[in-house]
Protein backbone atom coordinates (compact mmCIF):
# COMPACT_ATOMS: atom_id res chain seq x y z
CA UNK A 1 -30.43 16.76 6.89
CA UNK A 2 -30.18 13.84 4.27
CA UNK A 3 -27.76 11.19 5.15
CA UNK A 4 -26.24 8.35 3.20
CA UNK A 5 -28.04 5.15 4.35
CA UNK A 6 -26.57 2.96 1.48
CA UNK A 7 -24.03 0.54 1.54
CA UNK A 8 -20.74 1.75 3.38
CA UNK A 9 -18.31 -0.80 1.74
CA UNK A 10 -19.57 -0.03 -1.65
CA UNK A 11 -17.85 3.45 -1.11
CA UNK A 12 -14.78 2.47 0.18
CA UNK A 13 -14.57 0.19 -2.82
CA UNK A 14 -15.37 3.24 -4.92
CA UNK A 15 -12.06 5.07 -3.46
CA UNK A 16 -10.11 2.20 -3.18
CA UNK A 17 -9.12 2.18 0.45
CA UNK A 18 -11.19 2.10 3.80
CA UNK A 19 -12.98 4.95 5.27
CA UNK A 20 -12.52 4.16 9.40
CA UNK A 21 -14.98 6.71 10.20
CA UNK A 22 -17.67 5.30 7.86
CA UNK A 23 -17.25 1.48 8.74
CA UNK A 24 -15.35 -0.86 11.42
CA UNK A 25 -13.88 -3.11 8.65
CA UNK A 26 -10.03 -3.72 8.58
CA UNK A 27 -9.98 -4.55 4.92
CA UNK A 28 -11.76 -3.95 1.76
CA UNK A 29 -13.60 -7.50 0.74
CA UNK A 30 -13.41 -6.63 -2.73
CA UNK A 31 -10.45 -4.68 -4.49
CA UNK A 32 -12.24 -3.69 -7.27
CA UNK A 33 -15.10 -0.47 -7.60
CA UNK A 34 -18.67 -1.71 -6.83
CA UNK A 35 -21.14 -3.11 -9.67
CA UNK A 36 -21.47 -5.92 -11.85
CA UNK A 37 -19.13 -4.84 -13.86
CA UNK A 38 -16.31 -3.08 -11.25
CA UNK A 39 -13.32 -5.23 -12.39
CA UNK A 40 -13.59 -4.03 -15.92
CA UNK A 41 -14.39 -0.51 -15.45
CA UNK A 42 -11.40 1.05 -14.43
CA UNK A 43 -11.40 4.19 -16.47
CA UNK A 44 -8.27 6.32 -17.52
CA UNK A 45 -6.60 8.35 -14.96
CA UNK A 46 -6.72 11.55 -14.75
CA UNK A 47 -5.71 14.92 -12.50
CA UNK A 48 -9.28 15.83 -12.22
CA UNK A 49 -10.36 11.97 -11.22
CA UNK A 50 -7.28 12.02 -8.57
CA UNK A 51 -8.46 15.43 -7.15
CA UNK A 52 -12.05 14.17 -7.26
CA UNK A 53 -11.47 10.92 -5.58
CA UNK A 54 -9.29 12.51 -2.67
CA UNK A 55 -12.19 14.83 -2.36
CA UNK A 56 -14.96 11.93 -2.06
CA UNK A 57 -12.51 10.17 0.36
CA UNK A 58 -12.18 12.77 2.75
CA UNK A 59 -16.13 13.81 2.47
CA UNK A 60 -17.26 10.16 2.79
CA UNK A 61 -14.94 9.40 5.80
CA UNK A 62 -16.28 12.61 7.56
CA UNK A 63 -19.98 11.71 6.65
CA UNK A 64 -20.81 15.29 5.01
CA UNK A 65 -22.84 16.32 2.45
CA UNK A 66 -21.50 17.99 -0.72
CA UNK A 67 -23.00 21.78 0.07
CA UNK A 68 -21.69 21.52 3.72
CA UNK A 69 -18.35 20.21 2.58
CA UNK A 70 -18.12 23.14 0.07
CA UNK A 71 -18.34 25.78 3.19
CA UNK A 72 -15.64 24.24 5.07
CA UNK A 73 -13.37 24.48 2.07
CA UNK A 74 -14.47 27.78 1.44
CA UNK A 75 -13.89 29.02 5.44
CA UNK A 76 -10.19 27.13 5.04
CA UNK A 77 -9.81 29.63 2.09
CA UNK A 78 -10.61 32.50 4.14
CA UNK A 79 -8.31 31.82 7.39
CA UNK A 80 -4.88 33.07 7.27
CA UNK A 81 -2.39 29.70 6.58
CA UNK A 82 -2.09 26.88 4.59
CA UNK A 83 -5.92 26.32 3.33
CA UNK A 84 -5.38 22.15 3.18
CA UNK A 85 -4.08 22.19 7.05
CA UNK A 86 -6.88 24.15 7.70
CA UNK A 87 -9.69 22.35 6.61
CA UNK A 88 -7.91 19.29 8.52
CA UNK A 89 -8.34 20.95 11.22
CA UNK A 90 -11.84 22.27 11.22
CA UNK A 91 -13.24 18.83 10.08
CA UNK A 92 -11.29 17.00 13.00
CA UNK A 93 -12.61 19.67 15.27
CA UNK A 94 -16.21 18.81 14.78
CA UNK A 95 -17.82 16.94 17.67
CA UNK A 96 -18.87 13.97 15.97
CA UNK A 97 -15.40 13.05 14.68
CA UNK A 98 -14.22 14.02 18.30
CA UNK A 99 -16.16 11.64 19.71
CA UNK A 100 -15.37 8.76 17.47
CA UNK A 101 -11.33 9.72 17.75
CA UNK A 102 -12.26 9.43 21.64
CA UNK A 103 -13.35 5.92 21.24
CA UNK A 104 -17.07 6.48 22.60
CA UNK A 105 -18.47 5.16 19.01
CA UNK A 106 -17.12 2.80 16.76
CA UNK A 107 -17.83 4.90 13.98
CA UNK A 108 -18.85 8.54 13.03
CA UNK A 109 -22.50 7.97 12.27
CA UNK A 110 -22.60 6.04 15.58
CA UNK A 111 -21.03 9.28 17.39
CA UNK A 112 -23.36 11.44 15.29
CA UNK A 113 -26.28 9.52 16.76
CA UNK A 114 -24.99 9.83 20.51
CA UNK A 115 -24.70 14.01 19.80
CA UNK A 116 -27.99 14.07 18.48
CA UNK A 117 -29.97 12.01 21.32
CA UNK A 118 -28.26 14.36 23.81
CA UNK A 119 -25.85 12.05 25.50
CA UNK A 120 -23.06 14.27 24.76
CA UNK A 121 -21.94 17.55 26.93
CA UNK A 122 -19.54 20.27 25.89
CA UNK A 123 -18.29 22.43 29.01
CA UNK A 124 -21.40 20.73 30.76
CA UNK A 125 -23.74 22.19 28.38
CA UNK A 126 -25.95 19.45 26.60
CA UNK A 127 -24.83 19.78 22.71
CA UNK A 128 -27.19 18.05 20.06
CA UNK A 129 -25.36 19.51 16.81
CA UNK A 130 -22.61 16.91 15.40
CA UNK A 131 -21.28 19.69 13.24
CA UNK A 132 -20.31 21.77 16.60
CA UNK A 133 -16.72 23.07 16.52
CA UNK A 134 -14.85 21.85 19.38
CA UNK A 135 -12.06 24.46 20.61
CA UNK A 136 -8.96 23.60 22.44
CA UNK A 137 -9.18 22.61 26.28
CA UNK A 138 -13.09 22.60 26.05
CA UNK A 139 -14.14 19.57 28.02
CA UNK A 140 -16.28 17.13 26.05
CA UNK A 141 -18.06 14.50 28.17
CA UNK A 142 -20.68 11.86 28.20
CA UNK A 143 -24.02 13.33 29.82
CA UNK A 144 -24.08 12.46 33.50
CA UNK A 145 -27.50 10.51 33.51
CA UNK A 146 -26.30 8.76 30.00
CA UNK A 147 -23.17 7.28 31.96
CA UNK A 148 -25.41 4.45 33.61
CA UNK A 149 -26.80 2.98 30.15
CA UNK A 150 -25.24 -0.25 29.10
CA UNK A 151 -24.19 1.01 25.33
CA UNK A 152 -22.46 3.90 27.05
CA UNK A 153 -20.58 1.54 29.64
CA UNK A 154 -19.57 -0.49 26.88
CA UNK A 155 -18.14 2.42 24.83
CA UNK A 156 -16.24 3.26 27.82
CA UNK A 157 -14.64 0.00 28.56
CA UNK A 158 -13.53 -0.40 24.55
CA UNK A 159 -12.36 3.37 24.32
CA UNK A 160 -10.02 3.20 27.84
CA UNK A 161 -7.77 0.80 25.27
CA UNK A 162 -8.18 2.49 22.09
CA UNK A 163 -5.13 4.27 20.84
CA UNK A 164 -6.10 8.22 20.49
CA UNK A 165 -4.40 10.75 18.14
CA UNK A 166 -1.92 13.39 20.01
CA UNK A 167 -4.16 16.53 19.92
CA UNK A 168 -6.75 14.94 22.05
CA UNK A 169 -6.53 13.88 26.03
CA UNK A 170 -9.06 11.61 27.58
CA UNK A 171 -9.71 10.36 31.24
CA UNK A 172 -11.63 7.17 31.10
CA UNK A 173 -12.63 7.30 34.71
CA UNK A 174 -14.43 10.63 34.41
CA UNK A 175 -15.56 10.14 30.75
CA UNK A 176 -14.16 13.78 29.87
CA UNK A 177 -12.04 14.47 26.52
CA UNK A 178 -10.19 17.36 25.47
CA UNK A 179 -8.25 18.61 22.46
CA UNK A 180 -5.07 19.47 23.60
CA UNK A 181 -3.48 21.23 20.18
CA UNK A 182 -4.97 21.90 16.53
CA UNK A 183 -5.21 18.53 14.69
CA UNK A 184 -2.61 18.21 12.02
CA UNK A 185 -2.85 16.35 8.48
CA UNK A 186 -0.74 14.07 10.47
CA UNK A 187 -3.56 13.32 12.70
CA UNK A 188 -6.06 12.13 10.10
CA UNK A 189 -6.73 8.43 10.49
CA UNK A 190 -6.72 7.99 6.55
CA UNK A 191 -4.11 8.50 3.68
CA UNK A 192 -5.80 11.84 2.16
CA UNK A 193 -4.20 15.01 0.30
CA UNK A 194 -5.96 18.22 1.39
CA UNK A 195 -4.23 20.21 -1.47
CA UNK A 196 -5.78 17.86 -4.19
CA UNK A 197 -9.06 19.04 -2.89
CA UNK A 198 -8.36 22.56 -2.30
CA UNK A 199 -7.21 22.43 -6.22
CA UNK A 200 -10.68 20.72 -6.95
CA UNK A 201 -12.25 23.78 -4.95
CA UNK A 202 -10.24 26.10 -6.63
CA UNK A 203 -12.02 27.19 -9.77
CA UNK A 204 -15.56 27.12 -7.71
CA UNK A 205 -14.75 29.30 -4.66
């Protein structure tokens, strides 16, 4: 599957906020959109533009392509309950995001690489699919043979002091983490309005 490999800060500047899943930067290097004429090319605000920006913020933060992101919105709309809340739950429960939120990787792309390379297990079985949906109380851990690797050891040391969302539980000694409750909108690490994303796709699904 194709992945974005361009400048990450350019995307952050495009939506006007730092996307924590995409970069480790604390602030934007420049507040204006990317490009030679970014400072002058602001454009007029509209409901469509606001919804588009909210959609792009969430999609780029989680590193999901448009087609796959739309499937998440469709799935969220089919389930009972508020579509925006269910969408957040589905995205926050992705294995690559859980690995990042546990502190085992600096960014979601780095977490995705750990998963694809076979360093992560779920309930003792190796899983190499970043989009794997982690259910509550499933044990997410670093594979036993991978724990001795220097970059894993460094990640565990950094992750031991990392602040985690309330829906996660992690034991650095055993490198095992779990989702204890379903993720909510308040658990998202960036300011985003899921309802505007639902409205953006309302005419398409």
